[in-house]
């Protein structure tokens, strides 16, 4: 689960980081 090549997924996580306290 730690490895992916999806740029969309990276963008999603990056967006979440901007709106609060986030952990996965």
PDBML (XML) file of the C-alpha atoms, coordinates in Angstrom:
<?xml version="1.0" encoding="UTF-8" ?>
<PDBx:datablock datablockName="MODEL"
   xmlns:PDBx="http://pdbml.pdb.org/schema/pdbx-v50.xsd"
   xmlns:xsi="http://www.w3.org/2001/XMLSchema-instance"
   xsi:schemaLocation="http://pdbml.pdb.org/schema/pdbx-v50.xsd pdbx-v50.xsd">
   <PDBx:atom_siteCategory>
      <PDBx:atom_site id="1">
         <PDBx:B_iso_or_equiv>0.00</PDBx:B_iso_or_equiv>
         <PDBx:Cartn_x>0.000</PDBx:Cartn_x>
         <PDBx:Cartn_y>0.000</PDBx:Cartn_y>
         <PDBx:Cartn_z>0.000</PDBx:Cartn_z>
         <PDBx:auth_asym_id>A</PDBx:auth_asym_id>
         <PDBx:auth_atom_id>CA</PDBx:auth_atom_id>
         <PDBx:auth_comp_id>UNK</PDBx:auth_comp_id>
         <PDBx:auth_seq_id>1</PDBx:auth_seq_id>
         <PDBx:group_PDB>ATOM</PDBx:group_PDB>
         <PDBx:label_alt_id xsi:nil="true" />
         <PDBx:label_asym_id>A</PDBx:label_asym_id>
         <PDBx:label_atom_id>CA</PDBx:label_atom_id>
         <PDBx:label_comp_id>UNK</PDBx:label_comp_id>
         <PDBx:label_entity_id>1</PDBx:label_entity_id>
         <PDBx:label_seq_id>1</PDBx:label_seq_id>
         <PDBx:occupancy>1.00</PDBx:occupancy>
         <PDBx:pdbx_PDB_model_num>1</PDBx:pdbx_PDB_model_num>
         <PDBx:type_symbol>C</PDBx:type_symbol>
      </PDBx:atom_site>
      <PDBx:atom_site id="2">
         <PDBx:B_iso_or_equiv>0.00</PDBx:B_iso_or_equiv>
         <PDBx:Cartn_x>2.966</PDBx:Cartn_x>
         <PDBx:Cartn_y>2.326</PDBx:Cartn_y>
         <PDBx:Cartn_z>0.262</PDBx:Cartn_z>
         <PDBx:auth_asym_id>A</PDBx:auth_asym_id>
         <PDBx:auth_atom_id>CA</PDBx:auth_atom_id>
         <PDBx:auth_comp_id>UNK</PDBx:auth_comp_id>
         <PDBx:auth_seq_id>2</PDBx:auth_seq_id>
         <PDBx:group_PDB>ATOM</PDBx:group_PDB>
         <PDBx:label_alt_id xsi:nil="true" />
         <PDBx:label_asym_id>A</PDBx:label_asym_id>
         <PDBx:label_atom_id>CA</PDBx:label_atom_id>
         <PDBx:label_comp_id>UNK</PDBx:label_comp_id>
         <PDBx:label_entity_id>1</PDBx:label_entity_id>
         <PDBx:label_seq_id>2</PDBx:label_seq_id>
         <PDBx:occupancy>1.00</PDBx:occupancy>
         <PDBx:pdbx_PDB_model_num>1</PDBx:pdbx_PDB_model_num>
         <PDBx:type_symbol>C</PDBx:type_symbol>
      </PDBx:atom_site>
      <PDBx:atom_site id="3">
         <PDBx:B_iso_or_equiv>0.00</PDBx:B_iso_or_equiv>
         <PDBx:Cartn_x>3.907</PDBx:Cartn_x>
         <PDBx:Cartn_y>2.277</PDBx:Cartn_y>
         <PDBx:Cartn_z>-3.398</PDBx:Cartn_z>
         <PDBx:auth_asym_id>A</PDBx:auth_asym_id>
         <PDBx:auth_atom_id>CA</PDBx:auth_atom_id>
         <PDBx:auth_comp_id>UNK</PDBx:auth_comp_id>
         <PDBx:auth_seq_id>3</PDBx:auth_seq_id>
         <PDBx:group_PDB>ATOM</PDBx:group_PDB>
         <PDBx:label_alt_id xsi:nil="true" />
         <PDBx:label_asym_id>A</PDBx:label_asym_id>
         <PDBx:label_atom_id>CA</PDBx:label_atom_id>
         <PDBx:label_comp_id>UNK</PDBx:label_comp_id>
         <PDBx:label_entity_id>1</PDBx:label_entity_id>
         <PDBx:label_seq_id>3</PDBx:label_seq_id>
         <PDBx:occupancy>1.00</PDBx:occupancy>
         <PDBx:pdbx_PDB_model_num>1</PDBx:pdbx_PDB_model_num>
         <PDBx:type_symbol>C</PDBx:type_symbol>
      </PDBx:atom_site>
      <PDBx:atom_site id="4">
         <PDBx:B_iso_or_equiv>0.00</PDBx:B_iso_or_equiv>
         <PDBx:Cartn_x>1.966</PDBx:Cartn_x>
         <PDBx:Cartn_y>3.706</PDBx:Cartn_y>
         <PDBx:Cartn_z>-6.300</PDBx:Cartn_z>
         <PDBx:auth_asym_id>A</PDBx:auth_asym_id>
         <PDBx:auth_atom_id>CA</PDBx:auth_atom_id>
         <PDBx:auth_comp_id>UNK</PDBx:auth_comp_id>
         <PDBx:auth_seq_id>4</PDBx:auth_seq_id>
         <PDBx:group_PDB>ATOM</PDBx:group_PDB>
         <PDBx:label_alt_id xsi:nil="true" />
         <PDBx:label_asym_id>A</PDBx:label_asym_id>
         <PDBx:label_atom_id>CA</PDBx:label_atom_id>
         <PDBx:label_comp_id>UNK</PDBx:label_comp_id>
         <PDBx:label_entity_id>1</PDBx:label_entity_id>
         <PDBx:label_seq_id>4</PDBx:label_seq_id>
         <PDBx:occupancy>1.00</PDBx:occupancy>
         <PDBx:pdbx_PDB_model_num>1</PDBx:pdbx_PDB_model_num>
         <PDBx:type_symbol>C</PDBx:type_symbol>
      </PDBx:atom_site>
      <PDBx:atom_site id="5">
         <PDBx:B_iso_or_equiv>0.00</PDBx:B_iso_or_equiv>
         <PDBx:Cartn_x>2.615</PDBx:Cartn_x>
         <PDBx:Cartn_y>5.453</PDBx:Cartn_y>
         <PDBx:Cartn_z>-9.515</PDBx:Cartn_z>
         <PDBx:auth_asym_id>A</PDBx:auth_asym_id>
         <PDBx:auth_atom_id>CA</PDBx:auth_atom_id>
         <PDBx:auth_comp_id>UNK</PDBx:auth_comp_id>
         <PDBx:auth_seq_id>5</PDBx:auth_seq_id>
         <PDBx:group_PDB>ATOM</PDBx:group_PDB>
         <PDBx:label_alt_id xsi:nil="true" />
         <PDBx:label_asym_id>A</PDBx:label_asym_id>
         <PDBx:label_atom_id>CA</PDBx:label_atom_id>
         <PDBx:label_comp_id>UNK</PDBx:label_comp_id>
         <PDBx:label_entity_id>1</PDBx:label_entity_id>
         <PDBx:label_seq_id>5</PDBx:label_seq_id>
         <PDBx:occupancy>1.00</PDBx:occupancy>
         <PDBx:pdbx_PDB_model_num>1</PDBx:pdbx_PDB_model_num>
         <PDBx:type_symbol>C</PDBx:type_symbol>
      </PDBx:atom_site>
      <PDBx:atom_site id="6">
         <PDBx:B_iso_or_equiv>0.00</PDBx:B_iso_or_equiv>
         <PDBx:Cartn_x>-0.687</PDBx:Cartn_x>
         <PDBx:Cartn_y>7.369</PDBx:Cartn_y>
         <PDBx:Cartn_z>-9.586</PDBx:Cartn_z>
         <PDBx:auth_asym_id>A</PDBx:auth_asym_id>
         <PDBx:auth_atom_id>CA</PDBx:auth_atom_id>
         <PDBx:auth_comp_id>UNK</PDBx:auth_comp_id>
         <PDBx:auth_seq_id>6</PDBx:auth_seq_id>
         <PDBx:group_PDB>ATOM</PDBx:group_PDB>
         <PDBx:label_alt_id xsi:nil="true" />
         <PDBx:label_asym_id>A</PDBx:label_asym_id>
         <PDBx:label_atom_id>CA</PDBx:label_atom_id>
         <PDBx:label_comp_id>UNK</PDBx:label_comp_id>
         <PDBx:label_entity_id>1</PDBx:label_entity_id>
         <PDBx:label_seq_id>6</PDBx:label_seq_id>
         <PDBx:occupancy>1.00</PDBx:occupancy>
         <PDBx:pdbx_PDB_model_num>1</PDBx:pdbx_PDB_model_num>
         <PDBx:type_symbol>C</PDBx:type_symbol>
      </PDBx:atom_site>
      <PDBx:atom_site id="7">
         <PDBx:B_iso_or_equiv>0.00</PDBx:B_iso_or_equiv>
         <PDBx:Cartn_x>-0.193</PDBx:Cartn_x>
         <PDBx:Cartn_y>11.117</PDBx:Cartn_y>
         <PDBx:Cartn_z>-9.880</PDBx:Cartn_z>
         <PDBx:auth_asym_id>A</PDBx:auth_asym_id>
         <PDBx:auth_atom_id>CA</PDBx:auth_atom_id>
         <PDBx:auth_comp_id>UNK</PDBx:auth_comp_id>
         <PDBx:auth_seq_id>7</PDBx:auth_seq_id>
         <PDBx:group_PDB>ATOM</PDBx:group_PDB>
         <PDBx:label_alt_id xsi:nil="true" />
         <PDBx:label_asym_id>A</PDBx:label_asym_id>
         <PDBx:label_atom_id>CA</PDBx:label_atom_id>
         <PDBx:label_comp_id>UNK</PDBx:label_comp_id>
         <PDBx:label_entity_id>1</PDBx:label_entity_id>
         <PDBx:label_seq_id>7</PDBx:label_seq_id>
         <PDBx:occupancy>1.00</PDBx:occupancy>
         <PDBx:pdbx_PDB_model_num>1</PDBx:pdbx_PDB_model_num>
         <PDBx:type_symbol>C</PDBx:type_symbol>
      </PDBx:atom_site>
      <PDBx:atom_site id="8">
         <PDBx:B_iso_or_equiv>0.00</PDBx:B_iso_or_equiv>
         <PDBx:Cartn_x>-3.909</PDBx:Cartn_x>
         <PDBx:Cartn_y>11.606</PDBx:Cartn_y>
         <PDBx:Cartn_z>-9.120</PDBx:Cartn_z>
         <PDBx:auth_asym_id>A</PDBx:auth_asym_id>
         <PDBx:auth_atom_id>CA</PDBx:auth_atom_id>
         <PDBx:auth_comp_id>UNK</PDBx:auth_comp_id>
         <PDBx:auth_seq_id>8</PDBx:auth_seq_id>
         <PDBx:group_PDB>ATOM</PDBx:group_PDB>
         <PDBx:label_alt_id xsi:nil="true" />
         <PDBx:label_asym_id>A</PDBx:label_asym_id>
         <PDBx:label_atom_id>CA</PDBx:label_atom_id>
         <PDBx:label_comp_id>UNK</PDBx:label_comp_id>
         <PDBx:label_entity_id>1</PDBx:label_entity_id>
         <PDBx:label_seq_id>8</PDBx:label_seq_id>
         <PDBx:occupancy>1.00</PDBx:occupancy>
         <PDBx:pdbx_PDB_model_num>1</PDBx:pdbx_PDB_model_num>
         <PDBx:type_symbol>C</PDBx:type_symbol>
      </PDBx:atom_site>
      <PDBx:atom_site id="9">
         <PDBx:B_iso_or_equiv>0.00</PDBx:B_iso_or_equiv>
         <PDBx:Cartn_x>-3.480</PDBx:Cartn_x>
         <PDBx:Cartn_y>9.935</PDBx:Cartn_y>
         <PDBx:Cartn_z>-5.774</PDBx:Cartn_z>
         <PDBx:auth_asym_id>A</PDBx:auth_asym_id>
         <PDBx:auth_atom_id>CA</PDBx:auth_atom_id>
         <PDBx:auth_comp_id>UNK</PDBx:auth_comp_id>
         <PDBx:auth_seq_id>9</PDBx:auth_seq_id>
         <PDBx:group_PDB>ATOM</PDBx:group_PDB>
         <PDBx:label_alt_id xsi:nil="true" />
         <PDBx:label_asym_id>A</PDBx:label_asym_id>
         <PDBx:label_atom_id>CA</PDBx:label_atom_id>
         <PDBx:label_comp_id>UNK</PDBx:label_comp_id>
         <PDBx:label_entity_id>1</PDBx:label_entity_id>
         <PDBx:label_seq_id>9</PDBx:label_seq_id>
         <PDBx:occupancy>1.00</PDBx:occupancy>
         <PDBx:pdbx_PDB_model_num>1</PDBx:pdbx_PDB_model_num>
         <PDBx:type_symbol>C</PDBx:type_symbol>
      </PDBx:atom_site>
      <PDBx:atom_site id="10">
         <PDBx:B_iso_or_equiv>0.00</PDBx:B_iso_or_equiv>
         <PDBx:Cartn_x>-0.566</PDBx:Cartn_x>
         <PDBx:Cartn_y>12.192</PDBx:Cartn_y>
         <PDBx:Cartn_z>-4.941</PDBx:Cartn_z>
         <PDBx:auth_asym_id>A</PDBx:auth_asym_id>
         <PDBx:auth_atom_id>CA</PDBx:auth_atom_id>
         <PDBx:auth_comp_id>UNK</PDBx:auth_comp_id>
         <PDBx:auth_seq_id>10</PDBx:auth_seq_id>
         <PDBx:group_PDB>ATOM</PDBx:group_PDB>
         <PDBx:label_alt_id xsi:nil="true" />
         <PDBx:label_asym_id>A</PDBx:label_asym_id>
         <PDBx:label_atom_id>CA</PDBx:label_atom_id>
         <PDBx:label_comp_id>UNK</PDBx:label_comp_id>
         <PDBx:label_entity_id>1</PDBx:label_entity_id>
         <PDBx:label_seq_id>10</PDBx:label_seq_id>
         <PDBx:occupancy>1.00</PDBx:occupancy>
         <PDBx:pdbx_PDB_model_num>1</PDBx:pdbx_PDB_model_num>
         <PDBx:type_symbol>C</PDBx:type_symbol>
      </PDBx:atom_site>
      <PDBx:atom_site id="11">
         <PDBx:B_iso_or_equiv>0.00</PDBx:B_iso_or_equiv>
         <PDBx:Cartn_x>-2.618</PDBx:Cartn_x>
         <PDBx:Cartn_y>15.210</PDBx:Cartn_y>
         <PDBx:Cartn_z>-5.837</PDBx:Cartn_z>
         <PDBx:auth_asym_id>A</PDBx:auth_asym_id>
         <PDBx:auth_atom_id>CA</PDBx:auth_atom_id>
         <PDBx:auth_comp_id>UNK</PDBx:auth_comp_id>
         <PDBx:auth_seq_id>11</PDBx:auth_seq_id>
         <PDBx:group_PDB>ATOM</PDBx:group_PDB>
         <PDBx:label_alt_id xsi:nil="true" />
         <PDBx:label_asym_id>A</PDBx:label_asym_id>
         <PDBx:label_atom_id>CA</PDBx:label_atom_id>
         <PDBx:label_comp_id>UNK</PDBx:label_comp_id>
         <PDBx:label_entity_id>1</PDBx:label_entity_id>
         <PDBx:label_seq_id>11</PDBx:label_seq_id>
         <PDBx:occupancy>1.00</PDBx:occupancy>
         <PDBx:pdbx_PDB_model_num>1</PDBx:pdbx_PDB_model_num>
         <PDBx:type_symbol>C</PDBx:type_symbol>
      </PDBx:atom_site>
      <PDBx:atom_site id="12">
         <PDBx:B_iso_or_equiv>0.00</PDBx:B_iso_or_equiv>
         <PDBx:Cartn_x>-5.489</PDBx:Cartn_x>
         <PDBx:Cartn_y>14.018</PDBx:Cartn_y>
         <PDBx:Cartn_z>-3.613</PDBx:Cartn_z>
         <PDBx:auth_asym_id>A</PDBx:auth_asym_id>
         <PDBx:auth_atom_id>CA</PDBx:auth_atom_id>
         <PDBx:auth_comp_id>UNK</PDBx:auth_comp_id>
         <PDBx:auth_seq_id>12</PDBx:auth_seq_id>
         <PDBx:group_PDB>ATOM</PDBx:group_PDB>
         <PDBx:label_alt_id xsi:nil="true" />
         <PDBx:label_asym_id>A</PDBx:label_asym_id>
         <PDBx:label_atom_id>CA</PDBx:label_atom_id>
         <PDBx:label_comp_id>UNK</PDBx:label_comp_id>
         <PDBx:label_entity_id>1</PDBx:label_entity_id>
         <PDBx:label_seq_id>12</PDBx:label_seq_id>
         <PDBx:occupancy>1.00</PDBx:occupancy>
         <PDBx:pdbx_PDB_model_num>1</PDBx:pdbx_PDB_model_num>
         <PDBx:type_symbol>C</PDBx:type_symbol>
      </PDBx:atom_site>
      <PDBx:atom_site id="13">
         <PDBx:B_iso_or_equiv>0.00</PDBx:B_iso_or_equiv>
         <PDBx:Cartn_x>-3.246</PDBx:Cartn_x>
         <PDBx:Cartn_y>13.581</PDBx:Cartn_y>
         <PDBx:Cartn_z>-0.596</PDBx:Cartn_z>
         <PDBx:auth_asym_id>A</PDBx:auth_asym_id>
         <PDBx:auth_atom_id>CA</PDBx:auth_atom_id>
         <PDBx:auth_comp_id>UNK</PDBx:auth_comp_id>
         <PDBx:auth_seq_id>13</PDBx:auth_seq_id>
         <PDBx:group_PDB>ATOM</PDBx:group_PDB>
         <PDBx:label_alt_id xsi:nil="true" />
         <PDBx:label_asym_id>A</PDBx:label_asym_id>
         <PDBx:label_atom_id>CA</PDBx:label_atom_id>
         <PDBx:label_comp_id>UNK</PDBx:label_comp_id>
         <PDBx:label_entity_id>1</PDBx:label_entity_id>
         <PDBx:label_seq_id>13</PDBx:label_seq_id>
         <PDBx:occupancy>1.00</PDBx:occupancy>
         <PDBx:pdbx_PDB_model_num>1</PDBx:pdbx_PDB_model_num>
         <PDBx:type_symbol>C</PDBx:type_symbol>
      </PDBx:atom_site>
      <PDBx:atom_site id="14">
         <PDBx:B_iso_or_equiv>0.00</PDBx:B_iso_or_equiv>
         <PDBx:Cartn_x>-1.590</PDBx:Cartn_x>
         <PDBx:Cartn_y>16.917</PDBx:Cartn_y>
         <PDBx:Cartn_z>-1.242</PDBx:Cartn_z>
         <PDBx:auth_asym_id>A</PDBx:auth_asym_id>
         <PDBx:auth_atom_id>CA</PDBx:auth_atom_id>
         <PDBx:auth_comp_id>UNK</PDBx:auth_comp_id>
         <PDBx:auth_seq_id>14</PDBx:auth_seq_id>
         <PDBx:group_PDB>ATOM</PDBx:group_PDB>
         <PDBx:label_alt_id xsi:nil="true" />
         <PDBx:label_asym_id>A</PDBx:label_asym_id>
         <PDBx:label_atom_id>CA</PDBx:label_atom_id>
         <PDBx:label_comp_id>UNK</PDBx:label_comp_id>
         <PDBx:label_entity_id>1</PDBx:label_entity_id>
         <PDBx:label_seq_id>14</PDBx:label_seq_id>
         <PDBx:occupancy>1.00</PDBx:occupancy>
         <PDBx:pdbx_PDB_model_num>1</PDBx:pdbx_PDB_model_num>
         <PDBx:type_symbol>C</PDBx:type_symbol>
      </PDBx:atom_site>
      <PDBx:atom_site id="15">
         <PDBx:B_iso_or_equiv>0.00</PDBx:B_iso_or_equiv>
         <PDBx:Cartn_x>-4.983</PDBx:Cartn_x>
         <PDBx:Cartn_y>18.599</PDBx:Cartn_y>
         <PDBx:Cartn_z>-1.310</PDBx:Cartn_z>
         <PDBx:auth_asym_id>A</PDBx:auth_asym_id>
         <PDBx:auth_atom_id>CA</PDBx:auth_atom_id>
         <PDBx:auth_comp_id>UNK</PDBx:auth_comp_id>
         <PDBx:auth_seq_id>15</PDBx:auth_seq_id>
         <PDBx:group_PDB>ATOM</PDBx:group_PDB>
         <PDBx:label_alt_id xsi:nil="true" />
         <PDBx:label_asym_id>A</PDBx:label_asym_id>
         <PDBx:label_atom_id>CA</PDBx:label_atom_id>
         <PDBx:label_comp_id>UNK</PDBx:label_comp_id>
         <PDBx:label_entity_id>1</PDBx:label_entity_id>
         <PDBx:label_seq_id>15</PDBx:label_seq_id>
         <PDBx:occupancy>1.00</PDBx:occupancy>
         <PDBx:pdbx_PDB_model_num>1</PDBx:pdbx_PDB_model_num>
         <PDBx:type_symbol>C</PDBx:type_symbol>
      </PDBx:atom_site>
      <PDBx:atom_site id="16">
         <PDBx:B_iso_or_equiv>0.00</PDBx:B_iso_or_equiv>
         <PDBx:Cartn_x>-6.024</PDBx:Cartn_x>
         <PDBx:Cartn_y>16.991</PDBx:Cartn_y>
         <PDBx:Cartn_z>1.965</PDBx:Cartn_z>
         <PDBx:auth_asym_id>A</PDBx:auth_asym_id>
         <PDBx:auth_atom_id>CA</PDBx:auth_atom_id>
         <PDBx:auth_comp_id>UNK</PDBx:auth_comp_id>
         <PDBx:auth_seq_id>16</PDBx:auth_seq_id>
         <PDBx:group_PDB>ATOM</PDBx:group_PDB>
         <PDBx:label_alt_id xsi:nil="true" />
         <PDBx:label_asym_id>A</PDBx:label_asym_id>
         <PDBx:label_atom_id>CA</PDBx:label_atom_id>
         <PDBx:label_comp_id>UNK</PDBx:label_comp_id>
         <PDBx:label_entity_id>1</PDBx:label_entity_id>
         <PDBx:label_seq_id>16</PDBx:label_seq_id>
         <PDBx:occupancy>1.00</PDBx:occupancy>
         <PDBx:pdbx_PDB_model_num>1</PDBx:pdbx_PDB_model_num>
         <PDBx:type_symbol>C</PDBx:type_symbol>
      </PDBx:atom_site>
      <PDBx:atom_site id="17">
         <PDBx:B_iso_or_equiv>0.00</PDBx:B_iso_or_equiv>
         <PDBx:Cartn_x>-2.854</PDBx:Cartn_x>
         <PDBx:Cartn_y>18.229</PDBx:Cartn_y>
         <PDBx:Cartn_z>3.597</PDBx:Cartn_z>
         <PDBx:auth_asym_id>A</PDBx:auth_asym_id>
         <PDBx:auth_atom_id>CA</PDBx:auth_atom_id>
         <PDBx:auth_comp_id>UNK</PDBx:auth_comp_id>
         <PDBx:auth_seq_id>17</PDBx:auth_seq_id>
         <PDBx:group_PDB>ATOM</PDBx:group_PDB>
         <PDBx:label_alt_id xsi:nil="true" />
         <PDBx:label_asym_id>A</PDBx:label_asym_id>
         <PDBx:label_atom_id>CA</PDBx:label_atom_id>
         <PDBx:label_comp_id>UNK</PDBx:label_comp_id>
         <PDBx:label_entity_id>1</PDBx:label_entity_id>
         <PDBx:label_seq_id>17</PDBx:label_seq_id>
         <PDBx:occupancy>1.00</PDBx:occupancy>
         <PDBx:pdbx_PDB_model_num>1</PDBx:pdbx_PDB_model_num>
         <PDBx:type_symbol>C</PDBx:type_symbol>
      </PDBx:atom_site>
      <PDBx:atom_site id="18">
         <PDBx:B_iso_or_equiv>0.00</PDBx:B_iso_or_equiv>
         <PDBx:Cartn_x>-3.959</PDBx:Cartn_x>
         <PDBx:Cartn_y>21.799</PDBx:Cartn_y>
         <PDBx:Cartn_z>3.085</PDBx:Cartn_z>
         <PDBx:auth_asym_id>A</PDBx:auth_asym_id>
         <PDBx:auth_atom_id>CA</PDBx:auth_atom_id>
         <PDBx:auth_comp_id>UNK</PDBx:auth_comp_id>
         <PDBx:auth_seq_id>18</PDBx:auth_seq_id>
         <PDBx:group_PDB>ATOM</PDBx:group_PDB>
         <PDBx:label_alt_id xsi:nil="true" />
         <PDBx:label_asym_id>A</PDBx:label_asym_id>
         <PDBx:label_atom_id>CA</PDBx:label_atom_id>
         <PDBx:label_comp_id>UNK</PDBx:label_comp_id>
         <PDBx:label_entity_id>1</PDBx:label_entity_id>
         <PDBx:label_seq_id>18</PDBx:label_seq_id>
         <PDBx:occupancy>1.00</PDBx:occupancy>
         <PDBx:pdbx_PDB_model_num>1</PDBx:pdbx_PDB_model_num>
         <PDBx:type_symbol>C</PDBx:type_symbol>
      </PDBx:atom_site>
      <PDBx:atom_site id="19">
         <PDBx:B_iso_or_equiv>0.00</PDBx:B_iso_or_equiv>
         <PDBx:Cartn_x>-7.273</PDBx:Cartn_x>
         <PDBx:Cartn_y>21.634</PDBx:Cartn_y>
         <PDBx:Cartn_z>4.974</PDBx:Cartn_z>
         <PDBx:auth_asym_id>A</PDBx:auth_asym_id>
         <PDBx:auth_atom_id>CA</PDBx:auth_atom_id>
         <PDBx:auth_comp_id>UNK</PDBx:auth_comp_id>
         <PDBx:auth_seq_id>19</PDBx:auth_seq_id>
         <PDBx:group_PDB>ATOM</PDBx:group_PDB>
         <PDBx:label_alt_id xsi:nil="true" />
         <PDBx:label_asym_id>A</PDBx:label_asym_id>
         <PDBx:label_atom_id>CA</PDBx:label_atom_id>
         <PDBx:label_comp_id>UNK</PDBx:label_comp_id>
         <PDBx:label_entity_id>1</PDBx:label_entity_id>
         <PDBx:label_seq_id>19</PDBx:label_seq_id>
         <PDBx:occupancy>1.00</PDBx:occupancy>
         <PDBx:pdbx_PDB_model_num>1</PDBx:pdbx_PDB_model_num>
         <PDBx:type_symbol>C</PDBx:type_symbol>
      </PDBx:atom_site>
      <PDBx:atom_site id="20">
         <PDBx:B_iso_or_equiv>0.00</PDBx:B_iso_or_equiv>
         <PDBx:Cartn_x>-6.456</PDBx:Cartn_x>
         <PDBx:Cartn_y>20.234</PDBx:Cartn_y>
         <PDBx:Cartn_z>8.404</PDBx:Cartn_z>
         <PDBx:auth_asym_id>A</PDBx:auth_asym_id>
         <PDBx:auth_atom_id>CA</PDBx:auth_atom_id>
         <PDBx:auth_comp_id>UNK</PDBx:auth_comp_id>
         <PDBx:auth_seq_id>20</PDBx:auth_seq_id>
         <PDBx:group_PDB>ATOM</PDBx:group_PDB>
         <PDBx:label_alt_id xsi:nil="true" />
         <PDBx:label_asym_id>A</PDBx:label_asym_id>
         <PDBx:label_atom_id>CA</PDBx:label_atom_id>
         <PDBx:label_comp_id>UNK</PDBx:label_comp_id>
         <PDBx:label_entity_id>1</PDBx:label_entity_id>
         <PDBx:label_seq_id>20</PDBx:label_seq_id>
         <PDBx:occupancy>1.00</PDBx:occupancy>
         <PDBx:pdbx_PDB_model_num>1</PDBx:pdbx_PDB_model_num>
         <PDBx:type_symbol>C</PDBx:type_symbol>
      </PDBx:atom_site>
      <PDBx:atom_site id="21">
         <PDBx:B_iso_or_equiv>0.00</PDBx:B_iso_or_equiv>
         <PDBx:Cartn_x>-4.653</PDBx:Cartn_x>
         <PDBx:Cartn_y>17.622</PDBx:Cartn_y>
         <PDBx:Cartn_z>10.429</PDBx:Cartn_z>
         <PDBx:auth_asym_id>A</PDBx:auth_asym_id>
         <PDBx:auth_atom_id>CA</PDBx:auth_atom_id>
         <PDBx:auth_comp_id>UNK</PDBx:auth_comp_id>
         <PDBx:auth_seq_id>21</PDBx:auth_seq_id>
         <PDBx:group_PDB>ATOM</PDBx:group_PDB>
         <PDBx:label_alt_id xsi:nil="true" />
         <PDBx:label_asym_id>A</PDBx:label_asym_id>
         <PDBx:label_atom_id>CA</PDBx:label_atom_id>
         <PDBx:label_comp_id>UNK</PDBx:label_comp_id>
         <PDBx:label_entity_id>1</PDBx:label_entity_id>
         <PDBx:label_seq_id>21</PDBx:label_seq_id>
         <PDBx:occupancy>1.00</PDBx:occupancy>
         <PDBx:pdbx_PDB_model_num>1</PDBx:pdbx_PDB_model_num>
         <PDBx:type_symbol>C</PDBx:type_symbol>
      </PDBx:atom_site>
      <PDBx:atom_site id="22">
         <PDBx:B_iso_or_equiv>0.00</PDBx:B_iso_or_equiv>
         <PDBx:Cartn_x>-4.297</PDBx:Cartn_x>
         <PDBx:Cartn_y>14.599</PDBx:Cartn_y>
         <PDBx:Cartn_z>8.162</PDBx:Cartn_z>
         <PDBx:auth_asym_id>A</PDBx:auth_asym_id>
         <PDBx:auth_atom_id>CA</PDBx:auth_atom_id>
         <PDBx:auth_comp_id>UNK</PDBx:auth_comp_id>
         <PDBx:auth_seq_id>22</PDBx:auth_seq_id>
         <PDBx:group_PDB>ATOM</PDBx:group_PDB>
         <PDBx:label_alt_id xsi:nil="true" />
         <PDBx:label_asym_id>A</PDBx:label_asym_id>
         <PDBx:label_atom_id>CA</PDBx:label_atom_id>
         <PDBx:label_comp_id>UNK</PDBx:label_comp_id>
         <PDBx:label_entity_id>1</PDBx:label_entity_id>
         <PDBx:label_seq_id>22</PDBx:label_seq_id>
         <PDBx:occupancy>1.00</PDBx:occupancy>
         <PDBx:pdbx_PDB_model_num>1</PDBx:pdbx_PDB_model_num>
         <PDBx:type_symbol>C</PDBx:type_symbol>
      </PDBx:atom_site>
      <PDBx:atom_site id="23">
         <PDBx:B_iso_or_equiv>0.00</PDBx:B_iso_or_equiv>
         <PDBx:Cartn_x>-2.837</PDBx:Cartn_x>
         <PDBx:Cartn_y>11.140</PDBx:Cartn_y>
         <PDBx:Cartn_z>8.662</PDBx:Cartn_z>
         <PDBx:auth_asym_id>A</PDBx:auth_asym_id>
         <PDBx:auth_atom_id>CA</PDBx:auth_atom_id>
         <PDBx:auth_comp_id>UNK</PDBx:auth_comp_id>
         <PDBx:auth_seq_id>23</PDBx:auth_seq_id>
         <PDBx:group_PDB>ATOM</PDBx:group_PDB>
         <PDBx:label_alt_id xsi:nil="true" />
         <PDBx:label_asym_id>A</PDBx:label_asym_id>
         <PDBx:label_atom_id>CA</PDBx:label_atom_id>
         <PDBx:label_comp_id>UNK</PDBx:label_comp_id>
         <PDBx:label_entity_id>1</PDBx:label_entity_id>
         <PDBx:label_seq_id>23</PDBx:label_seq_id>
         <PDBx:occupancy>1.00</PDBx:occupancy>
         <PDBx:pdbx_PDB_model_num>1</PDBx:pdbx_PDB_model_num>
         <PDBx:type_symbol>C</PDBx:type_symbol>
      </PDBx:atom_site>
      <PDBx:atom_site id="24">
         <PDBx:B_iso_or_equiv>0.00</PDBx:B_iso_or_equiv>
         <PDBx:Cartn_x>-3.189</PDBx:Cartn_x>
         <PDBx:Cartn_y>7.842</PDBx:Cartn_y>
         <PDBx:Cartn_z>6.801</PDBx:Cartn_z>
         <PDBx:auth_asym_id>A</PDBx:auth_asym_id>
         <PDBx:auth_atom_id>CA</PDBx:auth_atom_id>
         <PDBx:auth_comp_id>UNK</PDBx:auth_comp_id>
         <PDBx:auth_seq_id>24</PDBx:auth_seq_id>
         <PDBx:group_PDB>ATOM</PDBx:group_PDB>
         <PDBx:label_alt_id xsi:nil="true" />
         <PDBx:label_asym_id>A</PDBx:label_asym_id>
         <PDBx:label_atom_id>CA</PDBx:label_atom_id>
         <PDBx:label_comp_id>UNK</PDBx:label_comp_id>
         <PDBx:label_entity_id>1</PDBx:label_entity_id>
         <PDBx:label_seq_id>24</PDBx:label_seq_id>
         <PDBx:occupancy>1.00</PDBx:occupancy>
         <PDBx:pdbx_PDB_model_num>1</PDBx:pdbx_PDB_model_num>
         <PDBx:type_symbol>C</PDBx:type_symbol>
      </PDBx:atom_site>
   </PDBx:atom_siteCategory>
</PDBx:datablock>
